[in-house]
Amino acid sequence: MKYIIDSANLQEIRDALELGACGVTANPSMYLKEGQKLLPFLRACSTMGPSFLSGEVMGTTPEEMEEEVRQIQEVSPDIIIKLNFSPHALRLCKKLHNRGIRTAVTLIFTTAQAVAAISAGADYLFPFLGRSDEYGLDGLQLLDNIQRIISRNGYPVSVVAASVKNIHQLEAAAVSGASYAAIPYSLYLKSLEHPLTARGARDFARDWTAANHKDS
């Protein structure tokens, strides 16, 4: 499993990519929080060289959605078109698939929605783990179910575990076989920490200093 930084903060994104994250995704709430406009944000992120970069389509009509796709593609044809799950999104997903444009379908909360997105030709699925749990559902079970369906049928689609809220969900997503996890910057940093790692580093530093200052 590889990490995608889930943020619209350009400094967080730069740091996460330097740490090894492979991609960038964000959503309208993040754009609002960071005062970002979609197209300038995508241009800035494109210069950082991520292997995965998604751009959200938010139009309410097919015509608006197609125009937004055109604008995103003008920034870079490598940007993945991210669609909020809906019948309109599925229709557009199929059209874009037939044109060779990669798509990601997000806001997936059921296995049936995942299967519909796969059938429409989505390249990436974003099942939401944490938000599912908030509504009494089992986000990790949803992820496992989707992974089994993909594995058994050999579907050419990748799963991005999204709405990951804690280390437990992050590690379980990795074990499930998810291709990616979209995680906030704070969780990324937290995942790098462990008290035994810190203690071991202190012990090694102490012993290194003692070993190299002994009288020869």
N, C-alpha and C. Protein backbone atom coordinates (compact mmCIF):
# COMPACT_ATOMS: atom_id res chain seq x y z
N MET A 1 0.84 -1.19 0.00
CA MET A 1 0.00 0.00 0.00
C MET A 1 0.88 1.25 0.00
N LYS A 2 0.51 2.22 -0.80
CA LYS A 2 1.24 3.48 -0.87
C LYS A 2 0.37 4.61 -0.31
N TYR A 3 1.05 5.65 0.16
CA TYR A 3 0.33 6.77 0.78
C TYR A 3 0.07 7.90 -0.21
N ILE A 4 -1.14 8.43 -0.14
CA ILE A 4 -1.54 9.64 -0.85
C ILE A 4 -1.86 10.67 0.22
N ILE A 5 -1.27 11.85 0.13
CA ILE A 5 -1.53 12.88 1.13
C ILE A 5 -2.89 13.52 0.83
N ASP A 6 -3.75 13.56 1.82
CA ASP A 6 -5.11 14.07 1.70
C ASP A 6 -5.14 15.47 2.28
N SER A 7 -4.81 16.46 1.47
CA SER A 7 -4.63 17.81 1.99
C SER A 7 -4.66 18.80 0.83
N ALA A 8 -5.02 20.06 1.16
CA ALA A 8 -4.90 21.16 0.20
C ALA A 8 -3.88 22.18 0.66
N ASN A 9 -3.10 21.80 1.69
CA ASN A 9 -2.04 22.67 2.20
C ASN A 9 -0.75 22.34 1.45
N LEU A 10 -0.25 23.28 0.68
CA LEU A 10 0.88 22.99 -0.21
C LEU A 10 2.14 22.64 0.57
N GLN A 11 2.35 23.24 1.74
CA GLN A 11 3.54 22.90 2.52
C GLN A 11 3.45 21.48 3.06
N GLU A 12 2.27 21.10 3.54
CA GLU A 12 2.08 19.72 3.99
C GLU A 12 2.33 18.75 2.84
N ILE A 13 1.83 19.10 1.67
CA ILE A 13 1.98 18.22 0.50
C ILE A 13 3.45 18.07 0.14
N ARG A 14 4.19 19.17 0.11
CA ARG A 14 5.62 19.09 -0.21
C ARG A 14 6.34 18.18 0.77
N ASP A 15 6.06 18.36 2.04
CA ASP A 15 6.76 17.56 3.06
C ASP A 15 6.39 16.09 2.94
N ALA A 16 5.10 15.81 2.73
CA ALA A 16 4.66 14.42 2.62
C ALA A 16 5.30 13.74 1.41
N LEU A 17 5.39 14.44 0.30
CA LEU A 17 6.02 13.87 -0.90
C LEU A 17 7.51 13.62 -0.65
N GLU A 18 8.16 14.52 0.09
CA GLU A 18 9.56 14.31 0.43
C GLU A 18 9.74 13.10 1.35
N LEU A 19 8.76 12.84 2.19
CA LEU A 19 8.81 11.68 3.08
C LEU A 19 8.54 10.37 2.35
N GLY A 20 7.99 10.46 1.14
CA GLY A 20 7.75 9.24 0.38
C GLY A 20 6.34 9.03 -0.11
N ALA A 21 5.40 9.90 0.27
CA ALA A 21 4.05 9.78 -0.28
C ALA A 21 4.11 9.87 -1.80
N CYS A 22 3.23 9.13 -2.47
CA CYS A 22 3.30 9.07 -3.93
C CYS A 22 2.30 9.97 -4.62
N GLY A 23 1.34 10.52 -3.86
CA GLY A 23 0.31 11.27 -4.54
C GLY A 23 -0.40 12.28 -3.68
N VAL A 24 -1.35 12.97 -4.32
CA VAL A 24 -2.08 14.07 -3.68
C VAL A 24 -3.55 13.96 -4.05
N THR A 25 -4.40 14.12 -3.07
CA THR A 25 -5.82 14.26 -3.31
C THR A 25 -6.37 15.26 -2.30
N ALA A 26 -7.48 15.86 -2.61
CA ALA A 26 -8.11 16.83 -1.70
C ALA A 26 -9.60 16.85 -2.00
N ASN A 27 -10.34 17.64 -1.25
CA ASN A 27 -11.77 17.77 -1.51
C ASN A 27 -12.19 19.22 -1.31
N PRO A 28 -13.40 19.60 -1.71
CA PRO A 28 -13.81 21.00 -1.62
C PRO A 28 -13.72 21.59 -0.22
N SER A 29 -13.96 20.80 0.82
CA SER A 29 -13.84 21.33 2.18
C SER A 29 -12.40 21.73 2.48
N MET A 30 -11.44 20.95 1.96
CA MET A 30 -10.03 21.28 2.15
C MET A 30 -9.64 22.52 1.36
N TYR A 31 -10.16 22.64 0.13
CA TYR A 31 -9.87 23.84 -0.66
C TYR A 31 -10.36 25.09 0.08
N LEU A 32 -11.56 25.00 0.65
CA LEU A 32 -12.12 26.13 1.39
C LEU A 32 -11.26 26.46 2.60
N LYS A 33 -10.87 25.45 3.36
CA LYS A 33 -10.07 25.66 4.57
C LYS A 33 -8.74 26.34 4.26
N GLU A 34 -8.12 25.96 3.15
CA GLU A 34 -6.79 26.48 2.82
C GLU A 34 -6.84 27.67 1.85
N GLY A 35 -8.04 28.11 1.48
CA GLY A 35 -8.16 29.24 0.57
C GLY A 35 -7.64 28.94 -0.82
N GLN A 36 -7.84 27.70 -1.28
CA GLN A 36 -7.33 27.28 -2.58
C GLN A 36 -8.44 27.26 -3.63
N LYS A 37 -8.06 27.60 -4.86
CA LYS A 37 -8.92 27.40 -6.03
C LYS A 37 -8.42 26.15 -6.74
N LEU A 38 -9.33 25.36 -7.29
CA LEU A 38 -8.97 24.04 -7.82
C LEU A 38 -7.86 24.09 -8.86
N LEU A 39 -8.03 24.86 -9.91
CA LEU A 39 -7.07 24.79 -11.02
C LEU A 39 -5.69 25.30 -10.62
N PRO A 40 -5.57 26.45 -9.92
CA PRO A 40 -4.24 26.85 -9.46
C PRO A 40 -3.61 25.82 -8.51
N PHE A 41 -4.44 25.19 -7.68
CA PHE A 41 -3.94 24.15 -6.78
C PHE A 41 -3.38 22.98 -7.58
N LEU A 42 -4.10 22.54 -8.59
CA LEU A 42 -3.62 21.43 -9.40
C LEU A 42 -2.34 21.79 -10.15
N ARG A 43 -2.25 23.03 -10.62
CA ARG A 43 -1.01 23.45 -11.30
C ARG A 43 0.17 23.40 -10.34
N ALA A 44 -0.04 23.88 -9.13
CA ALA A 44 1.05 23.87 -8.14
C ALA A 44 1.46 22.45 -7.80
N CYS A 45 0.49 21.58 -7.61
CA CYS A 45 0.81 20.19 -7.25
C CYS A 45 1.49 19.46 -8.41
N SER A 46 1.09 19.78 -9.63
CA SER A 46 1.69 19.11 -10.79
C SER A 46 3.19 19.34 -10.86
N THR A 47 3.64 20.51 -10.42
CA THR A 47 5.08 20.82 -10.47
C THR A 47 5.87 20.01 -9.46
N MET A 48 5.19 19.39 -8.48
CA MET A 48 5.88 18.60 -7.45
C MET A 48 6.12 17.16 -7.89
N GLY A 49 5.56 16.76 -9.03
CA GLY A 49 5.83 15.44 -9.59
C GLY A 49 5.18 14.25 -8.92
N PRO A 50 3.97 14.36 -8.36
CA PRO A 50 3.35 13.16 -7.77
C PRO A 50 2.94 12.18 -8.87
N SER A 51 2.97 10.89 -8.56
CA SER A 51 2.52 9.91 -9.54
C SER A 51 1.00 9.80 -9.56
N PHE A 52 0.34 10.27 -8.48
CA PHE A 52 -1.12 10.27 -8.40
C PHE A 52 -1.55 11.68 -8.02
N LEU A 53 -2.38 12.30 -8.85
CA LEU A 53 -2.95 13.61 -8.54
C LEU A 53 -4.37 13.62 -9.06
N SER A 54 -5.32 13.91 -8.18
CA SER A 54 -6.72 13.91 -8.59
C SER A 54 -7.29 15.31 -8.57
N GLY A 55 -8.23 15.55 -9.47
CA GLY A 55 -8.95 16.81 -9.53
C GLY A 55 -10.44 16.55 -9.48
N GLU A 56 -11.12 17.25 -8.58
CA GLU A 56 -12.53 17.00 -8.32
C GLU A 56 -13.44 17.68 -9.35
N VAL A 57 -14.45 16.96 -9.81
CA VAL A 57 -15.48 17.50 -10.69
C VAL A 57 -16.74 17.68 -9.85
N MET A 58 -17.27 18.92 -9.82
CA MET A 58 -18.38 19.22 -8.91
C MET A 58 -19.61 19.76 -9.63
N GLY A 59 -19.62 19.76 -10.95
CA GLY A 59 -20.78 20.27 -11.69
C GLY A 59 -22.06 19.52 -11.37
N THR A 60 -23.18 20.19 -11.53
CA THR A 60 -24.47 19.58 -11.20
C THR A 60 -25.21 19.09 -12.45
N THR A 61 -24.69 19.42 -13.62
CA THR A 61 -25.27 18.94 -14.88
C THR A 61 -24.17 18.25 -15.68
N PRO A 62 -24.56 17.37 -16.61
CA PRO A 62 -23.54 16.72 -17.44
C PRO A 62 -22.67 17.72 -18.19
N GLU A 63 -23.28 18.82 -18.64
CA GLU A 63 -22.53 19.82 -19.39
C GLU A 63 -21.49 20.50 -18.50
N GLU A 64 -21.88 20.84 -17.29
CA GLU A 64 -20.93 21.46 -16.36
C GLU A 64 -19.79 20.51 -16.01
N MET A 65 -20.12 19.26 -15.80
CA MET A 65 -19.11 18.27 -15.45
C MET A 65 -18.11 18.07 -16.59
N GLU A 66 -18.60 18.01 -17.82
CA GLU A 66 -17.73 17.84 -18.98
C GLU A 66 -16.80 19.04 -19.12
N GLU A 67 -17.32 20.24 -18.87
CA GLU A 67 -16.48 21.44 -18.97
C GLU A 67 -15.40 21.43 -17.90
N GLU A 68 -15.73 20.99 -16.70
CA GLU A 68 -14.73 20.92 -15.64
C GLU A 68 -13.65 19.90 -15.97
N VAL A 69 -14.05 18.78 -16.57
CA VAL A 69 -13.07 17.79 -17.01
C VAL A 69 -12.12 18.41 -18.02
N ARG A 70 -12.67 19.16 -18.98
CA ARG A 70 -11.84 19.80 -20.00
C ARG A 70 -10.82 20.73 -19.36
N GLN A 71 -11.25 21.52 -18.38
CA GLN A 71 -10.34 22.47 -17.72
C GLN A 71 -9.23 21.74 -16.95
N ILE A 72 -9.60 20.67 -16.26
CA ILE A 72 -8.59 19.90 -15.52
C ILE A 72 -7.60 19.25 -16.47
N GLN A 73 -8.10 18.73 -17.58
CA GLN A 73 -7.23 18.09 -18.56
C GLN A 73 -6.26 19.09 -19.20
N GLU A 74 -6.67 20.36 -19.28
CA GLU A 74 -5.78 21.38 -19.81
C GLU A 74 -4.60 21.64 -18.87
N VAL A 75 -4.83 21.48 -17.57
CA VAL A 75 -3.72 21.62 -16.61
C VAL A 75 -2.73 20.49 -16.85
N SER A 76 -3.24 19.25 -16.91
CA SER A 76 -2.40 18.09 -17.22
C SER A 76 -3.29 16.90 -17.57
N PRO A 77 -3.00 16.21 -18.67
CA PRO A 77 -3.80 15.03 -19.01
C PRO A 77 -3.56 13.86 -18.06
N ASP A 78 -2.55 13.98 -17.19
CA ASP A 78 -2.25 12.91 -16.24
C ASP A 78 -3.07 13.01 -14.97
N ILE A 79 -3.77 14.11 -14.78
CA ILE A 79 -4.58 14.27 -13.56
C ILE A 79 -5.78 13.33 -13.62
N ILE A 80 -6.01 12.64 -12.53
CA ILE A 80 -7.13 11.69 -12.42
C ILE A 80 -8.40 12.47 -12.09
N ILE A 81 -9.45 12.22 -12.85
CA ILE A 81 -10.72 12.92 -12.63
C ILE A 81 -11.47 12.23 -11.49
N LYS A 82 -11.69 12.98 -10.41
CA LYS A 82 -12.37 12.41 -9.24
C LYS A 82 -13.84 12.82 -9.26
N LEU A 83 -14.71 11.82 -9.16
CA LEU A 83 -16.14 12.02 -9.26
C LEU A 83 -16.84 11.58 -7.98
N ASN A 84 -17.71 12.43 -7.45
CA ASN A 84 -18.55 12.04 -6.32
C ASN A 84 -19.61 11.06 -6.81
N PHE A 85 -19.77 9.95 -6.12
CA PHE A 85 -20.68 8.90 -6.58
C PHE A 85 -22.09 9.44 -6.80
N SER A 86 -22.62 9.17 -7.98
CA SER A 86 -23.99 9.52 -8.35
C SER A 86 -24.27 8.91 -9.72
N PRO A 87 -25.54 8.84 -10.14
CA PRO A 87 -25.82 8.37 -11.49
C PRO A 87 -25.14 9.22 -12.57
N HIS A 88 -25.14 10.55 -12.38
CA HIS A 88 -24.44 11.42 -13.34
C HIS A 88 -22.96 11.06 -13.40
N ALA A 89 -22.38 10.82 -12.23
CA ALA A 89 -20.95 10.50 -12.18
C ALA A 89 -20.66 9.20 -12.90
N LEU A 90 -21.52 8.21 -12.75
CA LEU A 90 -21.31 6.92 -13.41
C LEU A 90 -21.38 7.07 -14.93
N ARG A 91 -22.31 7.88 -15.41
CA ARG A 91 -22.41 8.10 -16.85
C ARG A 91 -21.13 8.76 -17.38
N LEU A 92 -20.67 9.78 -16.65
CA LEU A 92 -19.45 10.46 -17.07
C LEU A 92 -18.24 9.55 -16.95
N CYS A 93 -18.22 8.75 -15.91
CA CYS A 93 -17.12 7.79 -15.71
C CYS A 93 -16.99 6.88 -16.92
N LYS A 94 -18.11 6.36 -17.39
CA LYS A 94 -18.08 5.46 -18.54
C LYS A 94 -17.59 6.18 -19.79
N LYS A 95 -18.05 7.42 -20.00
CA LYS A 95 -17.61 8.20 -21.16
C LYS A 95 -16.10 8.44 -21.11
N LEU A 96 -15.61 8.83 -19.94
CA LEU A 96 -14.19 9.11 -19.81
C LEU A 96 -13.36 7.85 -19.97
N HIS A 97 -13.86 6.75 -19.45
CA HIS A 97 -13.17 5.46 -19.62
C HIS A 97 -13.01 5.13 -21.11
N ASN A 98 -14.06 5.36 -21.87
CA ASN A 98 -14.01 5.08 -23.30
C ASN A 98 -13.06 6.01 -24.04
N ARG A 99 -12.78 7.17 -23.43
CA ARG A 99 -11.84 8.13 -24.03
C ARG A 99 -10.43 7.96 -23.49
N GLY A 100 -10.22 6.99 -22.62
CA GLY A 100 -8.90 6.74 -22.08
C GLY A 100 -8.47 7.69 -20.99
N ILE A 101 -9.43 8.36 -20.34
CA ILE A 101 -9.15 9.29 -19.25
C ILE A 101 -9.38 8.58 -17.92
N ARG A 102 -8.38 8.61 -17.07
CA ARG A 102 -8.49 7.89 -15.79
C ARG A 102 -9.44 8.61 -14.84
N THR A 103 -10.20 7.80 -14.09
CA THR A 103 -11.18 8.34 -13.15
C THR A 103 -11.07 7.67 -11.78
N ALA A 104 -11.49 8.41 -10.78
CA ALA A 104 -11.63 7.89 -9.42
C ALA A 104 -13.04 8.23 -8.95
N VAL A 105 -13.73 7.26 -8.39
CA VAL A 105 -15.06 7.50 -7.85
C VAL A 105 -14.97 7.49 -6.33
N THR A 106 -15.42 8.57 -5.72
CA THR A 106 -15.29 8.74 -4.28
C THR A 106 -16.67 8.76 -3.61
N LEU A 107 -16.67 8.88 -2.29
CA LEU A 107 -17.90 8.82 -1.49
C LEU A 107 -18.61 7.48 -1.65
N ILE A 108 -17.82 6.41 -1.59
CA ILE A 108 -18.37 5.05 -1.67
C ILE A 108 -18.57 4.50 -0.27
N PHE A 109 -19.80 4.08 0.02
CA PHE A 109 -20.15 3.58 1.35
C PHE A 109 -20.76 2.18 1.33
N THR A 110 -20.99 1.62 0.16
CA THR A 110 -21.56 0.27 0.08
C THR A 110 -20.83 -0.53 -0.99
N THR A 111 -20.92 -1.85 -0.86
CA THR A 111 -20.35 -2.73 -1.87
C THR A 111 -21.05 -2.53 -3.21
N ALA A 112 -22.36 -2.32 -3.19
CA ALA A 112 -23.10 -2.13 -4.43
C ALA A 112 -22.62 -0.88 -5.17
N GLN A 113 -22.32 0.18 -4.44
CA GLN A 113 -21.79 1.38 -5.09
C GLN A 113 -20.42 1.09 -5.71
N ALA A 114 -19.59 0.33 -5.01
CA ALA A 114 -18.28 -0.02 -5.55
C ALA A 114 -18.41 -0.81 -6.84
N VAL A 115 -19.34 -1.77 -6.86
CA VAL A 115 -19.53 -2.60 -8.05
C VAL A 115 -20.04 -1.74 -9.21
N ALA A 116 -20.93 -0.79 -8.92
CA ALA A 116 -21.44 0.10 -9.97
C ALA A 116 -20.30 0.93 -10.57
N ALA A 117 -19.41 1.43 -9.71
CA ALA A 117 -18.28 2.23 -10.19
C ALA A 117 -17.31 1.37 -11.01
N ILE A 118 -17.08 0.14 -10.57
CA ILE A 118 -16.23 -0.78 -11.34
C ILE A 118 -16.86 -1.03 -12.71
N SER A 119 -18.15 -1.26 -12.74
CA SER A 119 -18.86 -1.54 -13.99
C SER A 119 -18.78 -0.36 -14.95
N ALA A 120 -18.74 0.86 -14.40
CA ALA A 120 -18.67 2.07 -15.24
C ALA A 120 -17.26 2.35 -15.73
N GLY A 121 -16.29 1.56 -15.27
CA GLY A 121 -14.92 1.72 -15.77
C GLY A 121 -14.02 2.56 -14.91
N ALA A 122 -14.37 2.77 -13.64
CA ALA A 122 -13.51 3.56 -12.76
C ALA A 122 -12.15 2.89 -12.61
N ASP A 123 -11.12 3.71 -12.54
CA ASP A 123 -9.76 3.20 -12.32
C ASP A 123 -9.42 3.13 -10.84
N TYR A 124 -10.07 3.97 -10.03
CA TYR A 124 -9.80 4.01 -8.60
C TYR A 124 -11.13 4.13 -7.85
N LEU A 125 -11.21 3.47 -6.70
CA LEU A 125 -12.37 3.57 -5.81
C LEU A 125 -11.92 4.16 -4.48
N PHE A 126 -12.71 5.06 -3.94
CA PHE A 126 -12.44 5.66 -2.64
C PHE A 126 -13.52 5.25 -1.64
N PRO A 127 -13.43 4.07 -1.03
CA PRO A 127 -14.36 3.74 0.06
C PRO A 127 -13.98 4.51 1.32
N PHE A 128 -14.99 5.03 2.01
CA PHE A 128 -14.76 5.86 3.19
C PHE A 128 -14.87 5.01 4.46
N LEU A 129 -13.77 4.89 5.17
CA LEU A 129 -13.73 4.04 6.36
C LEU A 129 -14.30 4.75 7.58
N GLY A 130 -13.69 5.86 7.97
CA GLY A 130 -14.08 6.55 9.19
C GLY A 130 -15.51 7.03 9.18
N ARG A 131 -15.92 7.62 8.08
CA ARG A 131 -17.29 8.13 8.00
C ARG A 131 -18.30 6.98 8.05
N SER A 132 -17.94 5.83 7.50
CA SER A 132 -18.83 4.67 7.62
C SER A 132 -19.02 4.29 9.09
N ASP A 133 -17.91 4.27 9.84
CA ASP A 133 -17.98 3.92 11.26
C ASP A 133 -18.85 4.90 12.03
N GLU A 134 -18.81 6.17 11.66
CA GLU A 134 -19.59 7.19 12.36
C GLU A 134 -21.09 6.93 12.23
N TYR A 135 -21.48 6.21 11.20
CA TYR A 135 -22.91 5.93 10.97
C TYR A 135 -23.27 4.48 11.31
N GLY A 136 -22.44 3.87 12.15
CA GLY A 136 -22.76 2.53 12.63
C GLY A 136 -22.43 1.42 11.67
N LEU A 137 -21.72 1.74 10.59
CA LEU A 137 -21.30 0.74 9.62
C LEU A 137 -19.87 0.31 9.93
N ASP A 138 -19.40 -0.71 9.24
CA ASP A 138 -18.05 -1.21 9.46
C ASP A 138 -17.21 -0.88 8.24
N GLY A 139 -16.44 0.20 8.35
CA GLY A 139 -15.66 0.66 7.22
C GLY A 139 -14.61 -0.33 6.77
N LEU A 140 -13.98 -1.00 7.71
CA LEU A 140 -12.95 -1.98 7.36
C LEU A 140 -13.55 -3.21 6.69
N GLN A 141 -14.74 -3.61 7.12
CA GLN A 141 -15.42 -4.73 6.46
C GLN A 141 -15.78 -4.36 5.03
N LEU A 142 -16.23 -3.12 4.84
CA LEU A 142 -16.52 -2.64 3.49
C LEU A 142 -15.28 -2.73 2.62
N LEU A 143 -14.15 -2.29 3.15
CA LEU A 143 -12.89 -2.35 2.40
C LEU A 143 -12.53 -3.78 2.05
N ASP A 144 -12.64 -4.68 3.02
CA ASP A 144 -12.34 -6.10 2.78
C ASP A 144 -13.25 -6.69 1.70
N ASN A 145 -14.53 -6.36 1.75
CA ASN A 145 -15.48 -6.89 0.77
C ASN A 145 -15.12 -6.43 -0.64
N ILE A 146 -14.79 -5.15 -0.77
CA ILE A 146 -14.44 -4.61 -2.08
C ILE A 146 -13.16 -5.26 -2.60
N GLN A 147 -12.18 -5.43 -1.71
CA GLN A 147 -10.92 -6.04 -2.11
C GLN A 147 -11.15 -7.48 -2.59
N ARG A 148 -12.02 -8.22 -1.92
CA ARG A 148 -12.29 -9.60 -2.32
C ARG A 148 -12.95 -9.65 -3.70
N ILE A 149 -13.88 -8.77 -3.94
CA ILE A 149 -14.56 -8.73 -5.23
C ILE A 149 -13.57 -8.46 -6.35
N ILE A 150 -12.68 -7.50 -6.13
CA ILE A 150 -11.69 -7.15 -7.14
C ILE A 150 -10.73 -8.31 -7.38
N SER A 151 -10.27 -8.92 -6.28
CA SER A 151 -9.30 -10.00 -6.39
C SER A 151 -9.89 -11.23 -7.10
N ARG A 152 -11.11 -11.59 -6.72
CA ARG A 152 -11.73 -12.80 -7.29
C ARG A 152 -12.03 -12.65 -8.78
N ASN A 153 -12.32 -11.43 -9.20
CA ASN A 153 -12.70 -11.20 -10.59
C ASN A 153 -11.57 -10.62 -11.45
N GLY A 154 -10.48 -10.26 -10.81
CA GLY A 154 -9.37 -9.70 -11.56
C GLY A 154 -9.67 -8.35 -12.20
N TYR A 155 -10.51 -7.56 -11.55
CA TYR A 155 -10.88 -6.27 -12.12
C TYR A 155 -9.67 -5.32 -12.12
N PRO A 156 -9.47 -4.56 -13.19
CA PRO A 156 -8.34 -3.62 -13.28
C PRO A 156 -8.65 -2.30 -12.59
N VAL A 157 -8.83 -2.34 -11.30
CA VAL A 157 -9.18 -1.15 -10.53
C VAL A 157 -8.39 -1.17 -9.22
N SER A 158 -8.01 0.00 -8.76
CA SER A 158 -7.25 0.12 -7.50
C SER A 158 -8.12 0.76 -6.44
N VAL A 159 -7.93 0.33 -5.20
CA VAL A 159 -8.70 0.86 -4.08
C VAL A 159 -7.84 1.85 -3.30
N VAL A 160 -8.43 3.00 -3.03
CA VAL A 160 -7.80 4.02 -2.19
C VAL A 160 -8.60 4.08 -0.89
N ALA A 161 -8.06 3.54 0.19
CA ALA A 161 -8.74 3.63 1.48
C ALA A 161 -8.79 5.10 1.90
N ALA A 162 -10.00 5.62 2.08
CA ALA A 162 -10.18 7.05 2.37
C ALA A 162 -10.88 7.24 3.70
N SER A 163 -10.89 8.49 4.16
CA SER A 163 -11.46 8.81 5.46
C SER A 163 -10.85 7.91 6.55
N VAL A 164 -9.53 7.81 6.50
CA VAL A 164 -8.79 7.01 7.48
C VAL A 164 -8.55 7.88 8.71
N LYS A 165 -9.02 7.42 9.86
CA LYS A 165 -9.03 8.26 11.05
C LYS A 165 -7.96 7.94 12.07
N ASN A 166 -7.37 6.74 12.01
CA ASN A 166 -6.42 6.36 13.05
C ASN A 166 -5.44 5.31 12.54
N ILE A 167 -4.45 4.99 13.37
CA ILE A 167 -3.41 4.03 12.99
C ILE A 167 -4.00 2.64 12.78
N HIS A 168 -4.97 2.26 13.60
CA HIS A 168 -5.60 0.94 13.44
C HIS A 168 -6.19 0.79 12.05
N GLN A 169 -6.96 1.76 11.61
CA GLN A 169 -7.56 1.70 10.28
C GLN A 169 -6.49 1.70 9.20
N LEU A 170 -5.44 2.49 9.40
CA LEU A 170 -4.37 2.58 8.42
C LEU A 170 -3.68 1.24 8.24
N GLU A 171 -3.34 0.59 9.34
CA GLU A 171 -2.64 -0.69 9.26
C GLU A 171 -3.57 -1.79 8.73
N ALA A 172 -4.83 -1.75 9.12
CA ALA A 172 -5.78 -2.74 8.62
C ALA A 172 -5.99 -2.57 7.11
N ALA A 173 -5.98 -1.34 6.64
CA ALA A 173 -6.11 -1.10 5.20
C ALA A 173 -4.94 -1.70 4.45
N ALA A 174 -3.74 -1.56 5.01
CA ALA A 174 -2.56 -2.14 4.37
C ALA A 174 -2.67 -3.66 4.30
N VAL A 175 -3.11 -4.28 5.39
CA VAL A 175 -3.24 -5.74 5.43
C VAL A 175 -4.32 -6.22 4.46
N SER A 176 -5.35 -5.41 4.26
CA SER A 176 -6.46 -5.80 3.38
C SER A 176 -6.02 -5.91 1.91
N GLY A 177 -4.92 -5.25 1.57
CA GLY A 177 -4.47 -5.26 0.19
C GLY A 177 -4.83 -4.02 -0.59
N ALA A 178 -5.32 -2.98 0.09
CA ALA A 178 -5.62 -1.73 -0.60
C ALA A 178 -4.35 -1.20 -1.28
N SER A 179 -4.52 -0.68 -2.47
CA SER A 179 -3.36 -0.16 -3.21
C SER A 179 -2.83 1.13 -2.61
N TYR A 180 -3.74 1.95 -2.08
CA TYR A 180 -3.37 3.26 -1.55
C TYR A 180 -4.20 3.57 -0.30
N ALA A 181 -3.67 4.48 0.50
CA ALA A 181 -4.46 5.08 1.58
C ALA A 181 -4.31 6.58 1.46
N ALA A 182 -5.44 7.28 1.42
CA ALA A 182 -5.44 8.73 1.41
C ALA A 182 -5.54 9.20 2.86
N ILE A 183 -4.47 9.81 3.36
CA ILE A 183 -4.43 10.13 4.78
C ILE A 183 -4.04 11.59 5.02
N PRO A 184 -4.57 12.19 6.08
CA PRO A 184 -4.18 13.56 6.41
C PRO A 184 -2.73 13.62 6.87
N TYR A 185 -2.16 14.80 6.76
CA TYR A 185 -0.76 15.00 7.11
C TYR A 185 -0.48 14.61 8.56
N SER A 186 -1.37 14.98 9.46
CA SER A 186 -1.14 14.70 10.89
C SER A 186 -1.08 13.20 11.15
N LEU A 187 -1.92 12.43 10.47
CA LEU A 187 -1.89 10.97 10.65
C LEU A 187 -0.64 10.38 10.02
N TYR A 188 -0.21 10.94 8.90
CA TYR A 188 1.03 10.48 8.27
C TYR A 188 2.18 10.60 9.26
N LEU A 189 2.32 11.78 9.88
CA LEU A 189 3.41 11.98 10.84
C LEU A 189 3.26 11.05 12.05
N LYS A 190 2.04 10.89 12.53
CA LYS A 190 1.81 10.02 13.69
C LYS A 190 2.18 8.58 13.38
N SER A 191 1.94 8.16 12.14
CA SER A 191 2.23 6.77 11.76
C SER A 191 3.73 6.47 11.78
N LEU A 192 4.55 7.50 11.77
CA LEU A 192 6.00 7.31 11.77
C LEU A 192 6.58 7.17 13.16
N GLU A 193 5.76 7.39 14.16
CA GLU A 193 6.24 7.43 15.54
C GLU A 193 5.97 6.12 16.27
N HIS A 194 6.89 5.76 17.17
CA HIS A 194 6.65 4.69 18.12
C HIS A 194 7.63 4.88 19.27
N PRO A 195 7.17 4.73 20.52
CA PRO A 195 8.08 4.97 21.65
C PRO A 195 9.30 4.05 21.65
N LEU A 196 9.14 2.81 21.18
CA LEU A 196 10.28 1.90 21.16
C LEU A 196 11.31 2.31 20.10
N THR A 197 10.82 2.88 18.99
CA THR A 197 11.75 3.41 17.98
C THR A 197 12.54 4.58 18.57
N ALA A 198 11.83 5.47 19.25
CA ALA A 198 12.51 6.63 19.85
C ALA A 198 13.50 6.19 20.92
N ARG A 199 13.09 5.24 21.76
CA ARG A 199 14.00 4.76 22.81
C ARG A 199 15.21 4.06 22.21
N GLY A 200 14.99 3.25 21.19
CA GLY A 200 16.09 2.56 20.53
C GLY A 200 17.08 3.54 19.92
N ALA A 201 16.56 4.61 19.31
CA ALA A 201 17.44 5.62 18.72
C ALA A 201 18.29 6.30 19.79
N ARG A 202 17.66 6.60 20.94
CA ARG A 202 18.42 7.22 22.04
C ARG A 202 19.50 6.27 22.56
N ASP A 203 19.15 4.99 22.71
CA ASP A 203 20.12 4.01 23.20
C ASP A 203 21.29 3.86 22.24
N PHE A 204 20.99 3.78 20.96
CA PHE A 204 22.06 3.63 19.97
C PHE A 204 22.96 4.86 19.96
N ALA A 205 22.34 6.06 20.05
CA ALA A 205 23.13 7.29 20.06
C ALA A 205 24.04 7.35 21.28
N ARG A 206 23.50 6.95 22.43
CA ARG A 206 24.31 6.93 23.66
C ARG A 206 25.48 5.96 23.52
N ASP A 207 25.19 4.74 23.04
CA ASP A 207 26.24 3.74 22.93
C ASP A 207 27.26 4.09 21.85
N TRP A 208 26.80 4.71 20.79
CA TRP A 208 27.71 5.15 19.73
C TRP A 208 28.71 6.17 20.28
N THR A 209 28.15 7.10 21.04
CA THR A 209 29.02 8.14 21.61
C THR A 209 30.03 7.52 22.57
N ALA A 210 29.55 6.60 23.41
CA ALA A 210 30.48 5.95 24.37
C ALA A 210 31.54 5.12 23.66
N ALA A 211 31.12 4.38 22.62
CA ALA A 211 32.09 3.53 21.91
C ALA A 211 33.14 4.34 21.17
N ASN A 212 32.80 5.50 20.71
CA ASN A 212 33.75 6.29 19.92
C ASN A 212 34.53 7.29 20.75
N HIS A 213 34.28 7.31 22.04
CA HIS A 213 35.06 8.18 22.91
C HIS A 213 35.89 7.41 23.91
N LYS A 214 35.91 6.08 23.75
CA LYS A 214 36.76 5.28 24.65
C LYS A 214 38.23 5.52 24.33
N ASP A 215 39.02 5.46 25.37
CA ASP A 215 40.48 5.57 25.13
C ASP A 215 40.96 4.39 24.33
N SER A 216 41.70 4.61 23.29
CA SER A 216 42.20 3.52 22.45
C SER A 216 43.44 2.90 23.08
